[in-house]
Structure formats: structure tokens, C-alpha cells
Amino acid sequence: MSEKQTLIPANSAHMASEHNVHGWERAGSVATGVIMVGKGLRRGGVFGLIQVAIGGVALARGITGHSSVKSLIERGRSDLDNIRAKIERSGAELQALKANAEAATRGTTVTGNDALKDPKP
């Protein structure tokens, strides 16, 4: 192993994907979270508590810059893209096999069961 590989922390892949909410989306989450928490506190009761909880999640999303739901969606989209690429590669390989088979059989003729008949009359 090289020195560079030994200095990389074990959770560096997680750290690289830590911030998946950026720019206006992050600012919007903070603003929405603050508004929802404020409204929930003023409203009170069970529905106010639910509103405070949802606002807290939006606020945390904006402050940390990370959304677990967005990570799951992005991972699913990435998996689908990988599957689509594999299917397209398989299709191209199948087309190449078909072309090779057609080229190999162009000069060949099939005589049916004549080859199986006994040559002695």
C-alpha cells in the first residue's frame, strides 16, 4: 500500500457524500424549517408538534447540507443508470453476435435430412 492510501480515513467515502444539498436548496430548507418550527410552536397541540418535527428535519437538512432521503434517491438513480448501461452493452454484444452468425452462414446451404440418409440404395 502507498502512503497516500494509509492516510485516507476509513469513512472517507461517507465524508465525500456528506454534503448533497447545496445553494438555493440548502437556503430554502433552512428558511422552510424556521417557518415551520415557528408556526408549529404558535399552533400548539399534536398538529403543532408534528409541524415542529417536520420543520426541525428541514432545518437540520439545511444546516448540515445532508439529506438521507436525497442520498437514497441518488443511489437508486445511480443503480438504475448502471443497469441501463449493462443492458445497452448486452444489446450491442447481441447485435454483434447476430451479425457474426449471419456472416458465417451466408455461404452455407442446408440440405435437410439428406446427410442422414444411408448412401447405399
PDB file of N, CA and C in Angstrom:
ATOM      1  N   MET A   1       0.841  -1.200   0.000  1.00  0.00           N
ATOM      2  CA  MET A   1       0.000   0.000   0.000  1.00  0.00           C
ATOM      3  C   MET A   1       0.871   1.242   0.000  1.00  0.00           C
ATOM      4  N   SER A   2       0.421   2.265  -0.643  1.00  0.00           N
ATOM      5  CA  SER A   2       1.175   3.506  -0.662  1.00  0.00           C
ATOM      6  C   SER A   2       0.838   4.341   0.563  1.00  0.00           C
ATOM      7  N   GLU A   3       1.670   5.347   0.792  1.00  0.00           N
ATOM      8  CA  GLU A   3       1.444   6.242   1.928  1.00  0.00           C
ATOM      9  C   GLU A   3       0.107   6.951   1.816  1.00  0.00           C
ATOM     10  N   LYS A   4      -0.259   7.336   0.598  1.00  0.00           N
ATOM     11  CA  LYS A   4      -1.497   8.064   0.380  1.00  0.00           C
ATOM     12  C   LYS A   4      -2.710   7.239   0.795  1.00  0.00           C
ATOM     13  N   GLN A   5      -2.674   5.941   0.531  1.00  0.00           N
ATOM     14  CA  GLN A   5      -3.798   5.083   0.874  1.00  0.00           C
ATOM     15  C   GLN A   5      -3.896   4.868   2.380  1.00  0.00           C
ATOM     16  N   THR A   6      -2.789   4.859   3.085  1.00  0.00           N
ATOM     17  CA  THR A   6      -2.846   4.628   4.519  1.00  0.00           C
ATOM     18  C   THR A   6      -3.313   5.855   5.285  1.00  0.00           C
ATOM     19  N   LEU A   7      -3.209   7.042   4.676  1.00  0.00           N
ATOM     20  CA  LEU A   7      -3.611   8.263   5.360  1.00  0.00           C
ATOM     21  C   LEU A   7      -5.088   8.601   5.166  1.00  0.00           C
ATOM     22  N   ILE A   8      -5.760   7.926   4.238  1.00  0.00           N
ATOM     23  CA  ILE A   8      -7.171   8.198   3.973  1.00  0.00           C
ATOM     24  C   ILE A   8      -8.012   7.523   5.046  1.00  0.00           C
ATOM     25  N   PRO A   9      -8.906   8.268   5.718  1.00  0.00           N
ATOM     26  CA  PRO A   9      -9.745   7.657   6.749  1.00  0.00           C
ATOM     27  C   PRO A   9     -10.685   6.610   6.165  1.00  0.00           C
ATOM     28  N   ALA A  10     -11.077   5.662   6.999  1.00  0.00           N
ATOM     29  CA  ALA A  10     -11.935   4.559   6.562  1.00  0.00           C
ATOM     30  C   ALA A  10     -13.301   5.060   6.102  1.00  0.00           C
ATOM     31  N   ASN A  11     -13.784   6.147   6.686  1.00  0.00           N
ATOM     32  CA  ASN A  11     -15.116   6.640   6.333  1.00  0.00           C
ATOM     33  C   ASN A  11     -15.046   7.792   5.342  1.00  0.00           C
ATOM     34  N   SER A  12     -13.985   7.847   4.524  1.00  0.00           N
ATOM     35  CA  SER A  12     -13.839   8.959   3.579  1.00  0.00           C
ATOM     36  C   SER A  12     -14.919   8.942   2.508  1.00  0.00           C
ATOM     37  N   ALA A  13     -15.409   7.763   2.124  1.00  0.00           N
ATOM     38  CA  ALA A  13     -16.487   7.699   1.131  1.00  0.00           C
ATOM     39  C   ALA A  13     -17.748   8.336   1.692  1.00  0.00           C
ATOM     40  N   HIS A  14     -18.017   8.111   2.976  1.00  0.00           N
ATOM     41  CA  HIS A  14     -19.181   8.729   3.616  1.00  0.00           C
ATOM     42  C   HIS A  14     -18.980  10.231   3.730  1.00  0.00           C
ATOM     43  N   MET A  15     -17.757  10.652   4.049  1.00  0.00           N
ATOM     44  CA  MET A  15     -17.472  12.082   4.193  1.00  0.00           C
ATOM     45  C   MET A  15     -17.611  12.798   2.856  1.00  0.00           C
ATOM     46  N   ALA A  16     -17.242  12.128   1.761  1.00  0.00           N
ATOM     47  CA  ALA A  16     -17.342  12.763   0.447  1.00  0.00           C
ATOM     48  C   ALA A  16     -18.800  13.018   0.065  1.00  0.00           C
ATOM     49  N   SER A  17     -19.703  12.143   0.498  1.00  0.00           N
ATOM     50  CA  SER A  17     -21.113  12.310   0.162  1.00  0.00           C
ATOM     51  C   SER A  17     -21.869  13.017   1.278  1.00  0.00           C
ATOM     52  N   GLU A  18     -21.158  13.572   2.238  1.00  0.00           N
ATOM     53  CA  GLU A  18     -21.788  14.230   3.384  1.00  0.00           C
ATOM     54  C   GLU A  18     -22.664  15.401   2.955  1.00  0.00           C
ATOM     55  N   HIS A  19     -22.176  16.221   2.028  1.00  0.00           N
ATOM     56  CA  HIS A  19     -22.928  17.396   1.585  1.00  0.00           C
ATOM     57  C   HIS A  19     -23.560  17.117   0.230  1.00  0.00           C
ATOM     58  N   ASN A  20     -24.847  16.848   0.231  1.00  0.00           N
ATOM     59  CA  ASN A  20     -25.546  16.617  -1.020  1.00  0.00           C
ATOM     60  C   ASN A  20     -26.670  17.629  -1.240  1.00  0.00           C
ATOM     61  N   VAL A  21     -26.757  18.622  -0.364  1.00  0.00           N
ATOM     62  CA  VAL A  21     -27.725  19.714  -0.504  1.00  0.00           C
ATOM     63  C   VAL A  21     -26.902  21.000  -0.599  1.00  0.00           C
ATOM     64  N   HIS A  22     -27.069  21.727  -1.691  1.00  0.00           N
ATOM     65  CA  HIS A  22     -26.229  22.911  -1.926  1.00  0.00           C
ATOM     66  C   HIS A  22     -27.066  24.111  -2.337  1.00  0.00           C
ATOM     67  N   GLY A  23     -26.464  25.274  -2.238  1.00  0.00           N
ATOM     68  CA  GLY A  23     -27.012  26.509  -2.781  1.00  0.00           C
ATOM     69  C   GLY A  23     -28.411  26.859  -2.316  1.00  0.00           C
ATOM     70  N   TRP A  24     -29.263  27.158  -3.314  1.00  0.00           N
ATOM     71  CA  TRP A  24     -30.627  27.603  -3.020  1.00  0.00           C
ATOM     72  C   TRP A  24     -31.440  26.525  -2.321  1.00  0.00           C
ATOM     73  N   GLU A  25     -31.155  25.281  -2.643  1.00  0.00           N
ATOM     74  CA  GLU A  25     -31.878  24.179  -1.994  1.00  0.00           C
ATOM     75  C   GLU A  25     -31.593  24.164  -0.489  1.00  0.00           C
ATOM     76  N   ARG A  26     -30.359  24.397  -0.142  1.00  0.00           N
ATOM     77  CA  ARG A  26     -29.975  24.432   1.277  1.00  0.00           C
ATOM     78  C   ARG A  26     -30.586  25.643   1.978  1.00  0.00           C
ATOM     79  N   ALA A  27     -30.524  26.795   1.330  1.00  0.00           N
ATOM     80  CA  ALA A  27     -31.108  28.005   1.905  1.00  0.00           C
ATOM     81  C   ALA A  27     -32.624  27.854   2.055  1.00  0.00           C
ATOM     82  N   GLY A  28     -33.258  27.255   1.055  1.00  0.00           N
ATOM     83  CA  GLY A  28     -34.694  27.025   1.123  1.00  0.00           C
ATOM     84  C   GLY A  28     -35.074  26.087   2.255  1.00  0.00           C
ATOM     85  N   SER A  29     -34.249  25.083   2.504  1.00  0.00           N
ATOM     86  CA  SER A  29     -34.513  24.158   3.610  1.00  0.00           C
ATOM     87  C   SER A  29     -34.425  24.870   4.954  1.00  0.00           C
ATOM     88  N   VAL A  30     -33.422  25.726   5.099  1.00  0.00           N
ATOM     89  CA  VAL A  30     -33.289  26.479   6.354  1.00  0.00           C
ATOM     90  C   VAL A  30     -34.497  27.392   6.547  1.00  0.00           C
ATOM     91  N   ALA A  31     -34.860  28.136   5.512  1.00  0.00           N
ATOM     92  CA  ALA A  31     -35.984  29.068   5.619  1.00  0.00           C
ATOM     93  C   ALA A  31     -37.288  28.323   5.903  1.00  0.00           C
ATOM     94  N   THR A  32     -37.524  27.244   5.180  1.00  0.00           N
ATOM     95  CA  THR A  32     -38.739  26.458   5.391  1.00  0.00           C
ATOM     96  C   THR A  32     -38.771  25.870   6.789  1.00  0.00           C
ATOM     97  N   GLY A  33     -37.626  25.378   7.246  1.00  0.00           N
ATOM     98  CA  GLY A  33     -37.552  24.809   8.591  1.00  0.00           C
ATOM     99  C   GLY A  33     -37.870  25.830   9.664  1.00  0.00           C
ATOM    100  N   VAL A  34     -37.306  27.026   9.544  1.00  0.00           N
ATOM    101  CA  VAL A  34     -37.562  28.090  10.534  1.00  0.00           C
ATOM    102  C   VAL A  34     -39.043  28.469  10.538  1.00  0.00           C
ATOM    103  N   ILE A  35     -39.619  28.624   9.357  1.00  0.00           N
ATOM    104  CA  ILE A  35     -41.038  28.997   9.264  1.00  0.00           C
ATOM    105  C   ILE A  35     -41.922  27.916   9.879  1.00  0.00           C
ATOM    106  N   MET A  36     -41.639  26.638   9.543  1.00  0.00           N
ATOM    107  CA  MET A  36     -42.474  25.554  10.058  1.00  0.00           C
ATOM    108  C   MET A  36     -42.341  25.387  11.564  1.00  0.00           C
ATOM    109  N   VAL A  37     -41.148  25.539  12.093  1.00  0.00           N
ATOM    110  CA  VAL A  37     -40.972  25.446  13.547  1.00  0.00           C
ATOM    111  C   VAL A  37     -41.741  26.574  14.228  1.00  0.00           C
ATOM    112  N   GLY A  38     -41.618  27.785  13.695  1.00  0.00           N
ATOM    113  CA  GLY A  38     -42.342  28.923  14.275  1.00  0.00           C
ATOM    114  C   GLY A  38     -43.847  28.723  14.245  1.00  0.00           C
ATOM    115  N   LYS A  39     -44.384  28.289  13.110  1.00  0.00           N
ATOM    116  CA  LYS A  39     -45.822  28.049  13.003  1.00  0.00           C
ATOM    117  C   LYS A  39     -46.270  26.925  13.921  1.00  0.00           C
ATOM    118  N   GLY A  40     -45.454  25.885  14.009  1.00  0.00           N
ATOM    119  CA  GLY A  40     -45.805  24.757  14.877  1.00  0.00           C
ATOM    120  C   GLY A  40     -45.840  25.145  16.345  1.00  0.00           C
ATOM    121  N   LEU A  41     -44.896  25.977  16.758  1.00  0.00           N
ATOM    122  CA  LEU A  41     -44.873  26.438  18.152  1.00  0.00           C
ATOM    123  C   LEU A  41     -46.080  27.316  18.454  1.00  0.00           C
ATOM    124  N   ARG A  42     -46.453  28.170  17.499  1.00  0.00           N
ATOM    125  CA  ARG A  42     -47.639  29.021  17.706  1.00  0.00           C
ATOM    126  C   ARG A  42     -48.926  28.209  17.711  1.00  0.00           C
ATOM    127  N   ARG A  43     -48.979  27.187  16.879  1.00  0.00           N
ATOM    128  CA  ARG A  43     -50.198  26.387  16.764  1.00  0.00           C
ATOM    129  C   ARG A  43     -50.436  25.535  18.007  1.00  0.00           C
ATOM    130  N   GLY A  44     -49.388  24.878  18.479  1.00  0.00           N
ATOM    131  CA  GLY A  44     -49.514  24.021  19.656  1.00  0.00           C
ATOM    132  C   GLY A  44     -50.260  22.733  19.355  1.00  0.00           C
ATOM    133  N   GLY A  45     -50.416  21.902  20.346  1.00  0.00           N
ATOM    134  CA  GLY A  45     -51.142  20.650  20.197  1.00  0.00           C
ATOM    135  C   GLY A  45     -50.358  19.625  19.401  1.00  0.00           C
ATOM    136  N   VAL A  46     -51.050  18.551  19.040  1.00  0.00           N
ATOM    137  CA  VAL A  46     -50.416  17.451  18.318  1.00  0.00           C
ATOM    138  C   VAL A  46     -49.986  17.885  16.921  1.00  0.00           C
ATOM    139  N   PHE A  47     -50.864  18.603  16.215  1.00  0.00           N
ATOM    140  CA  PHE A  47     -50.524  19.036  14.866  1.00  0.00           C
ATOM    141  C   PHE A  47     -49.383  20.052  14.880  1.00  0.00           C
ATOM    142  N   GLY A  48     -49.335  20.886  15.895  1.00  0.00           N
ATOM    143  CA  GLY A  48     -48.220  21.818  16.027  1.00  0.00           C
ATOM    144  C   GLY A  48     -46.920  21.073  16.285  1.00  0.00           C
ATOM    145  N   LEU A  49     -46.990  20.017  17.089  1.00  0.00           N
ATOM    146  CA  LEU A  49     -45.803  19.206  17.383  1.00  0.00           C
ATOM    147  C   LEU A  49     -45.296  18.516  16.112  1.00  0.00           C
ATOM    148  N   ILE A  50     -46.227  18.023  15.304  1.00  0.00           N
ATOM    149  CA  ILE A  50     -45.849  17.392  14.033  1.00  0.00           C
ATOM    150  C   ILE A  50     -45.185  18.421  13.118  1.00  0.00           C
ATOM    151  N   GLN A  51     -45.757  19.632  13.092  1.00  0.00           N
ATOM    152  CA  GLN A  51     -45.200  20.684  12.254  1.00  0.00           C
ATOM    153  C   GLN A  51     -43.808  21.085  12.741  1.00  0.00           C
ATOM    154  N   VAL A  52     -43.614  21.135  14.053  1.00  0.00           N
ATOM    155  CA  VAL A  52     -42.288  21.445  14.609  1.00  0.00           C
ATOM    156  C   VAL A  52     -41.284  20.351  14.221  1.00  0.00           C
ATOM    157  N   ALA A  53     -41.706  19.090  14.286  1.00  0.00           N
ATOM    158  CA  ALA A  53     -40.809  17.988  13.940  1.00  0.00           C
ATOM    159  C   ALA A  53     -40.396  18.047  12.470  1.00  0.00           C
ATOM    160  N   ILE A  54     -41.366  18.271  11.583  1.00  0.00           N
ATOM    161  CA  ILE A  54     -41.053  18.361  10.153  1.00  0.00           C
ATOM    162  C   ILE A  54     -40.167  19.577   9.878  1.00  0.00           C
ATOM    163  N   GLY A  55     -40.468  20.675  10.522  1.00  0.00           N
ATOM    164  CA  GLY A  55     -39.639  21.867  10.368  1.00  0.00           C
ATOM    165  C   GLY A  55     -38.232  21.635  10.887  1.00  0.00           C
ATOM    166  N   GLY A  56     -38.112  20.891  11.974  1.00  0.00           N
ATOM    167  CA  GLY A  56     -36.789  20.567  12.514  1.00  0.00           C
ATOM    168  C   GLY A  56     -35.968  19.735  11.554  1.00  0.00           C
ATOM    169  N   VAL A  57     -36.631  18.788  10.895  1.00  0.00           N
ATOM    170  CA  VAL A  57     -35.927  17.966   9.903  1.00  0.00           C
ATOM    171  C   VAL A  57     -35.453  18.835   8.744  1.00  0.00           C
ATOM    172  N   ALA A  58     -36.317  19.726   8.260  1.00  0.00           N
ATOM    173  CA  ALA A  58     -35.940  20.622   7.157  1.00  0.00           C
ATOM    174  C   ALA A  58     -34.809  21.555   7.586  1.00  0.00           C
ATOM    175  N   LEU A  59     -34.887  22.043   8.811  1.00  0.00           N
ATOM    176  CA  LEU A  59     -33.842  22.928   9.336  1.00  0.00           C
ATOM    177  C   LEU A  59     -32.507  22.188   9.454  1.00  0.00           C
ATOM    178  N   ALA A  60     -32.537  20.972   9.972  1.00  0.00           N
ATOM    179  CA  ALA A  60     -31.312  20.173  10.086  1.00  0.00           C
ATOM    180  C   ALA A  60     -30.724  19.873   8.709  1.00  0.00           C
ATOM    181  N   ARG A  61     -31.594  19.595   7.747  1.00  0.00           N
ATOM    182  CA  ARG A  61     -31.156  19.328   6.374  1.00  0.00           C
ATOM    183  C   ARG A  61     -30.424  20.536   5.803  1.00  0.00           C
ATOM    184  N   GLY A  62     -30.962  21.716   6.044  1.00  0.00           N
ATOM    185  CA  GLY A  62     -30.332  22.924   5.524  1.00  0.00           C
ATOM    186  C   GLY A  62     -29.043  23.273   6.242  1.00  0.00           C
ATOM    187  N   ILE A  63     -29.014  23.075   7.546  1.00  0.00           N
ATOM    188  CA  ILE A  63     -27.814  23.421   8.317  1.00  0.00           C
ATOM    189  C   ILE A  63     -26.671  22.465   8.015  1.00  0.00           C
ATOM    190  N   THR A  64     -26.959  21.157   8.006  1.00  0.00           N
ATOM    191  CA  THR A  64     -25.892  20.181   7.780  1.00  0.00           C
ATOM    192  C   THR A  64     -25.524  20.039   6.308  1.00  0.00           C
ATOM    193  N   GLY A  65     -26.454  20.362   5.412  1.00  0.00           N
ATOM    194  CA  GLY A  65     -26.187  20.207   3.988  1.00  0.00           C
ATOM    195  C   GLY A  65     -26.275  18.761   3.537  1.00  0.00           C
ATOM    196  N   HIS A  66     -26.899  17.912   4.341  1.00  0.00           N
ATOM    197  CA  HIS A  66     -27.022  16.498   4.008  1.00  0.00           C
ATOM    198  C   HIS A  66     -28.466  16.042   4.158  1.00  0.00           C
ATOM    199  N   SER A  67     -28.932  15.268   3.195  1.00  0.00           N
ATOM    200  CA  SER A  67     -30.263  14.691   3.241  1.00  0.00           C
ATOM    201  C   SER A  67     -30.160  13.199   2.958  1.00  0.00           C
ATOM    202  N   SER A  68     -30.555  12.382   3.943  1.00  0.00           N
ATOM    203  CA  SER A  68     -30.507  10.934   3.765  1.00  0.00           C
ATOM    204  C   SER A  68     -31.463  10.481   2.672  1.00  0.00           C
ATOM    205  N   VAL A  69     -32.618  11.113   2.600  1.00  0.00           N
ATOM    206  CA  VAL A  69     -33.591  10.749   1.564  1.00  0.00           C
ATOM    207  C   VAL A  69     -33.014  11.032   0.181  1.00  0.00           C
ATOM    208  N   LYS A  70     -32.376  12.175   0.028  1.00  0.00           N
ATOM    209  CA  LYS A  70     -31.777  12.516  -1.258  1.00  0.00           C
ATOM    210  C   LYS A  70     -30.657  11.535  -1.603  1.00  0.00           C
ATOM    211  N   SER A  71     -29.890  11.098  -0.598  1.00  0.00           N
ATOM    212  CA  SER A  71     -28.840  10.102  -0.831  1.00  0.00           C
ATOM    213  C   SER A  71     -29.422   8.800  -1.349  1.00  0.00           C
ATOM    214  N   LEU A  72     -30.528   8.357  -0.740  1.00  0.00           N
ATOM    215  CA  LEU A  72     -31.173   7.123  -1.187  1.00  0.00           C
ATOM    216  C   LEU A  72     -31.689   7.249  -2.617  1.00  0.00           C
ATOM    217  N   ILE A  73     -32.275   8.386  -2.935  1.00  0.00           N
ATOM    218  CA  ILE A  73     -32.787   8.611  -4.290  1.00  0.00           C
ATOM    219  C   ILE A  73     -31.641   8.629  -5.294  1.00  0.00           C
ATOM    220  N   GLU A  74     -30.550   9.314  -4.963  1.00  0.00           N
ATOM    221  CA  GLU A  74     -29.401   9.378  -5.858  1.00  0.00           C
ATOM    222  C   GLU A  74     -28.771   8.003  -6.043  1.00  0.00           C
ATOM    223  N   ARG A  75     -28.700   7.216  -4.965  1.00  0.00           N
ATOM    224  CA  ARG A  75     -28.136   5.869  -5.059  1.00  0.00           C
ATOM    225  C   ARG A  75     -29.022   4.999  -5.954  1.00  0.00           C
ATOM    226  N   GLY A  76     -30.346   5.119  -5.792  1.00  0.00           N
ATOM    227  CA  GLY A  76     -31.261   4.363  -6.647  1.00  0.00           C
ATOM    228  C   GLY A  76     -31.139   4.758  -8.096  1.00  0.00           C
ATOM    229  N   ARG A  77     -31.012   6.049  -8.346  1.00  0.00           N
ATOM    230  CA  ARG A  77     -30.852   6.544  -9.723  1.00  0.00           C
ATOM    231  C   ARG A  77     -29.532   6.033 -10.318  1.00  0.00           C
ATOM    232  N   SER A  78     -28.483   6.021  -9.510  1.00  0.00           N
ATOM    233  CA  SER A  78     -27.189   5.524  -9.966  1.00  0.00           C
ATOM    234  C   SER A  78     -27.268   4.037 -10.303  1.00  0.00           C
ATOM    235  N   ASP A  79     -27.958   3.271  -9.462  1.00  0.00           N
ATOM    236  CA  ASP A  79     -28.131   1.842  -9.727  1.00  0.00           C
ATOM    237  C   ASP A  79     -28.895   1.619 -11.029  1.00  0.00           C
ATOM    238  N   LEU A  80     -29.944   2.397 -11.246  1.00  0.00           N
ATOM    239  CA  LEU A  80     -30.709   2.274 -12.491  1.00  0.00           C
ATOM    240  C   LEU A  80     -29.865   2.638 -13.711  1.00  0.00           C
ATOM    241  N   ASP A  81     -29.029   3.662 -13.586  1.00  0.00           N
ATOM    242  CA  ASP A  81     -28.154   4.044 -14.693  1.00  0.00           C
ATOM    243  C   ASP A  81     -27.158   2.927 -15.006  1.00  0.00           C
ATOM    244  N   ASN A  82     -26.626   2.271 -13.951  1.00  0.00           N
ATOM    245  CA  ASN A  82     -25.698   1.160 -14.155  1.00  0.00           C
ATOM    246  C   ASN A  82     -26.391  -0.003 -14.847  1.00  0.00           C
ATOM    247  N   ILE A  83     -27.610  -0.307 -14.429  1.00  0.00           N
ATOM    248  CA  ILE A  83     -28.371  -1.390 -15.053  1.00  0.00           C
ATOM    249  C   ILE A  83     -28.661  -1.068 -16.511  1.00  0.00           C
ATOM    250  N   ARG A  84     -29.052   0.188 -16.786  1.00  0.00           N
ATOM    251  CA  ARG A  84     -29.324   0.611 -18.166  1.00  0.00           C
ATOM    252  C   ARG A  84     -28.076   0.461 -19.033  1.00  0.00           C
ATOM    253  N   ALA A  85     -26.916   0.829 -18.503  1.00  0.00           N
ATOM    254  CA  ALA A  85     -25.671   0.712 -19.256  1.00  0.00           C
ATOM    255  C   ALA A  85     -25.348  -0.755 -19.540  1.00  0.00           C
ATOM    256  N   LYS A  86     -25.574  -1.630 -18.556  1.00  0.00           N
ATOM    257  CA  LYS A  86     -25.315  -3.060 -18.765  1.00  0.00           C
ATOM    258  C   LYS A  86     -26.254  -3.629 -19.830  1.00  0.00           C
ATOM    259  N   ILE A  87     -27.507  -3.224 -19.809  1.00  0.00           N
ATOM    260  CA  ILE A  87     -28.464  -3.699 -20.805  1.00  0.00           C
ATOM    261  C   ILE A  87     -28.062  -3.221 -22.198  1.00  0.00           C
ATOM    262  N   GLU A  88     -27.643  -1.963 -22.306  1.00  0.00           N
ATOM    263  CA  GLU A  88     -27.220  -1.444 -23.606  1.00  0.00           C
ATOM    264  C   GLU A  88     -25.982  -2.165 -24.119  1.00  0.00           C
ATOM    265  N   ARG A  89     -25.015  -2.465 -23.210  1.00  0.00           N
ATOM    266  CA  ARG A  89     -23.828  -3.216 -23.619  1.00  0.00           C
ATOM    267  C   ARG A  89     -24.212  -4.619 -24.075  1.00  0.00           C
ATOM    268  N   SER A  90     -25.113  -5.251 -23.341  1.00  0.00           N
ATOM    269  CA  SER A  90     -25.561  -6.601 -23.712  1.00  0.00           C
ATOM    270  C   SER A  90     -26.263  -6.585 -25.060  1.00  0.00           C
ATOM    271  N   GLY A  91     -27.063  -5.559 -25.303  1.00  0.00           N
ATOM    272  CA  GLY A  91     -27.733  -5.424 -26.598  1.00  0.00           C
ATOM    273  C   GLY A  91     -26.738  -5.274 -27.731  1.00  0.00           C
ATOM    274  N   ALA A  92     -25.703  -4.480 -27.504  1.00  0.00           N
ATOM    275  CA  ALA A  92     -24.679  -4.297 -28.536  1.00  0.00           C
ATOM    276  C   ALA A  92     -23.926  -5.604 -28.789  1.00  0.00           C
ATOM    277  N   GLU A  93     -23.630  -6.347 -27.712  1.00  0.00           N
ATOM    278  CA  GLU A  93     -22.961  -7.639 -27.873  1.00  0.00           C
ATOM    279  C   GLU A  93     -23.857  -8.618 -28.626  1.00  0.00           C
ATOM    280  N   LEU A  94     -25.138  -8.597 -28.340  1.00  0.00           N
ATOM    281  CA  LEU A  94     -26.085  -9.477 -29.033  1.00  0.00           C
ATOM    282  C   LEU A  94     -26.166  -9.133 -30.520  1.00  0.00           C
ATOM    283  N   GLN A  95     -26.178  -7.846 -30.836  1.00  0.00           N
ATOM    284  CA  GLN A  95     -26.191  -7.423 -32.240  1.00  0.00           C
ATOM    285  C   GLN A  95     -24.926  -7.901 -32.949  1.00  0.00           C
ATOM    286  N   ALA A  96     -23.771  -7.802 -32.268  1.00  0.00           N
ATOM    287  CA  ALA A  96     -22.510  -8.254 -32.868  1.00  0.00           C
ATOM    288  C   ALA A  96     -22.535  -9.763 -33.091  1.00  0.00           C
ATOM    289  N   LEU A  97     -23.055 -10.524 -32.129  1.00  0.00           N
ATOM    290  CA  LEU A  97     -23.164 -11.976 -32.289  1.00  0.00           C
ATOM    291  C   LEU A  97     -24.089 -12.334 -33.449  1.00  0.00           C
ATOM    292  N   LYS A  98     -25.186 -11.614 -33.566  1.00  0.00           N
ATOM    293  CA  LYS A  98     -26.136 -11.863 -34.649  1.00  0.00           C
ATOM    294  C   LYS A  98     -25.477 -11.585 -36.002  1.00  0.00           C
ATOM    295  N   ALA A  99     -24.748 -10.483 -36.086  1.00  0.00           N
ATOM    296  CA  ALA A  99     -24.061 -10.136 -37.337  1.00  0.00           C
ATOM    297  C   ALA A  99     -23.014 -11.191 -37.685  1.00  0.00           C
ATOM    298  N   ASN A 100     -22.268 -11.673 -36.688  1.00  0.00           N
ATOM    299  CA  ASN A 100     -21.268 -12.714 -36.928  1.00  0.00           C
ATOM    300  C   ASN A 100     -21.925 -14.008 -37.386  1.00  0.00           C
ATOM    301  N   ALA A 101     -23.043 -14.363 -36.764  1.00  0.00           N
ATOM    302  CA  ALA A 101     -23.748 -15.596 -37.144  1.00  0.00           C
ATOM    303  C   ALA A 101     -24.283 -15.485 -38.572  1.00  0.00           C
ATOM    304  N   GLU A 102     -24.834 -14.337 -38.922  1.00  0.00           N
ATOM    305  CA  GLU A 102     -25.340 -14.138 -40.281  1.00  0.00           C
ATOM    306  C   GLU A 102     -24.207 -14.189 -41.295  1.00  0.00           C
ATOM    307  N   ALA A 103     -23.064 -13.601 -40.969  1.00  0.00           N
ATOM    308  CA  ALA A 103     -21.922 -13.611 -41.875  1.00  0.00           C
ATOM    309  C   ALA A 103     -21.379 -15.027 -42.036  1.00  0.00           C
ATOM    310  N   ALA A 104     -21.391 -15.815 -40.978  1.00  0.00           N
ATOM    311  CA  ALA A 104     -20.870 -17.175 -41.037  1.00  0.00           C
ATOM    312  C   ALA A 104     -21.773 -18.098 -41.835  1.00  0.00           C
ATOM    313  N   THR A 105     -23.058 -17.817 -41.873  1.00  0.00           N
ATOM    314  CA  THR A 105     -23.990 -18.710 -42.571  1.00  0.00           C
ATOM    315  C   THR A 105     -24.352 -18.237 -43.972  1.00  0.00           C
ATOM    316  N   ARG A 106     -23.783 -17.168 -44.467  1.00  0.00           N
ATOM    317  CA  ARG A 106     -24.135 -16.654 -45.798  1.00  0.00           C
ATOM    318  C   ARG A 106     -23.815 -17.644 -46.914  1.00  0.00           C
ATOM    319  N   GLY A 107     -22.643 -18.252 -46.866  1.00  0.00           N
ATOM    320  CA  GLY A 107     -22.241 -19.161 -47.946  1.00  0.00           C
ATOM    321  C   GLY A 107     -22.634 -20.600 -47.688  1.00  0.00           C
ATOM    322  N   THR A 108     -23.284 -20.865 -46.587  1.00  0.00           N
ATOM    323  CA  THR A 108     -23.625 -22.236 -46.229  1.00  0.00           C
ATOM    324  C   THR A 108     -25.037 -22.562 -46.680  1.00  0.00           C
ATOM    325  N   THR A 109     -25.212 -23.771 -47.187  1.00  0.00           N
ATOM    326  CA  THR A 109     -26.553 -24.217 -47.553  1.00  0.00           C
ATOM    327  C   THR A 109     -26.927 -25.403 -46.693  1.00  0.00           C
ATOM    328  N   VAL A 110     -28.173 -25.512 -46.374  1.00  0.00           N
ATOM    329  CA  VAL A 110     -28.675 -26.611 -45.572  1.00  0.00           C
ATOM    330  C   VAL A 110     -29.463 -27.524 -46.507  1.00  0.00           C
ATOM    331  N   THR A 111     -29.132 -28.820 -46.478  1.00  0.00           N
ATOM    332  CA  THR A 111     -29.781 -29.760 -47.390  1.00  0.00           C
ATOM    333  C   THR A 111     -30.865 -30.579 -46.700  1.00  0.00           C
ATOM    334  N   GLY A 112     -31.112 -30.340 -45.479  1.00  0.00           N
ATOM    335  CA  GLY A 112     -32.162 -31.082 -44.764  1.00  0.00           C
ATOM    336  C   GLY A 112     -31.654 -32.404 -44.259  1.00  0.00           C
ATOM    337  N   ASN A 113     -32.433 -33.469 -44.443  1.00  0.00           N
ATOM    338  CA  ASN A 113     -32.089 -34.790 -43.919  1.00  0.00           C
ATOM    339  C   ASN A 113     -31.262 -35.627 -44.885  1.00  0.00           C
ATOM    340  N   ASP A 114     -30.828 -35.064 -45.992  1.00  0.00           N
ATOM    341  CA  ASP A 114     -30.043 -35.817 -46.960  1.00  0.00           C
ATOM    342  C   ASP A 114     -28.751 -36.342 -46.357  1.00  0.00           C
ATOM    343  N   ALA A 115     -28.157 -35.603 -45.454  1.00  0.00           N
ATOM    344  CA  ALA A 115     -26.904 -36.034 -44.856  1.00  0.00           C
ATOM    345  C   ALA A 115     -27.112 -37.229 -43.942  1.00  0.00           C
ATOM    346  N   LEU A 116     -28.313 -37.444 -43.452  1.00  0.00           N
ATOM    347  CA  LEU A 116     -28.584 -38.549 -42.545  1.00  0.00           C
ATOM    348  C   LEU A 116     -28.955 -39.838 -43.280  1.00  0.00           C
ATOM    349  N   LYS A 117     -29.271 -39.748 -44.550  1.00  0.00           N
ATOM    350  CA  LYS A 117     -29.688 -40.933 -45.308  1.00  0.00           C
ATOM    351  C   LYS A 117     -28.486 -41.862 -45.557  1.00  0.00           C
ATOM    352  N   ASP A 118     -28.788 -43.130 -45.668  1.00  0.00           N
ATOM    353  CA  ASP A 118     -27.755 -44.136 -45.931  1.00  0.00           C
ATOM    354  C   ASP A 118     -27.297 -43.978 -47.387  1.00  0.00           C
ATOM    355  N   PRO A 119     -25.993 -43.846 -47.659  1.00  0.00           N
ATOM    356  CA  PRO A 119     -25.526 -43.659 -49.041  1.00  0.00           C
ATOM    357  C   PRO A 119     -25.779 -44.895 -49.908  1.00  0.00           C
ATOM    358  N   LYS A 120     -26.026 -46.065 -49.338  1.00  0.00           N
ATOM    359  CA  LYS A 120     -26.279 -47.270 -50.128  1.00  0.00           C
ATOM    360  C   LYS A 120     -27.766 -47.339 -50.453  1.00  0.00           C
ATOM    361  N   PRO A 121     -28.111 -47.476 -51.735  1.00  0.00           N
ATOM    362  CA  PRO A 121     -29.525 -47.555 -52.100  1.00  0.00           C
ATOM    363  C   PRO A 121     -30.154 -48.878 -51.794  1.00  0.00           C
TER     364      PRO A 121
END
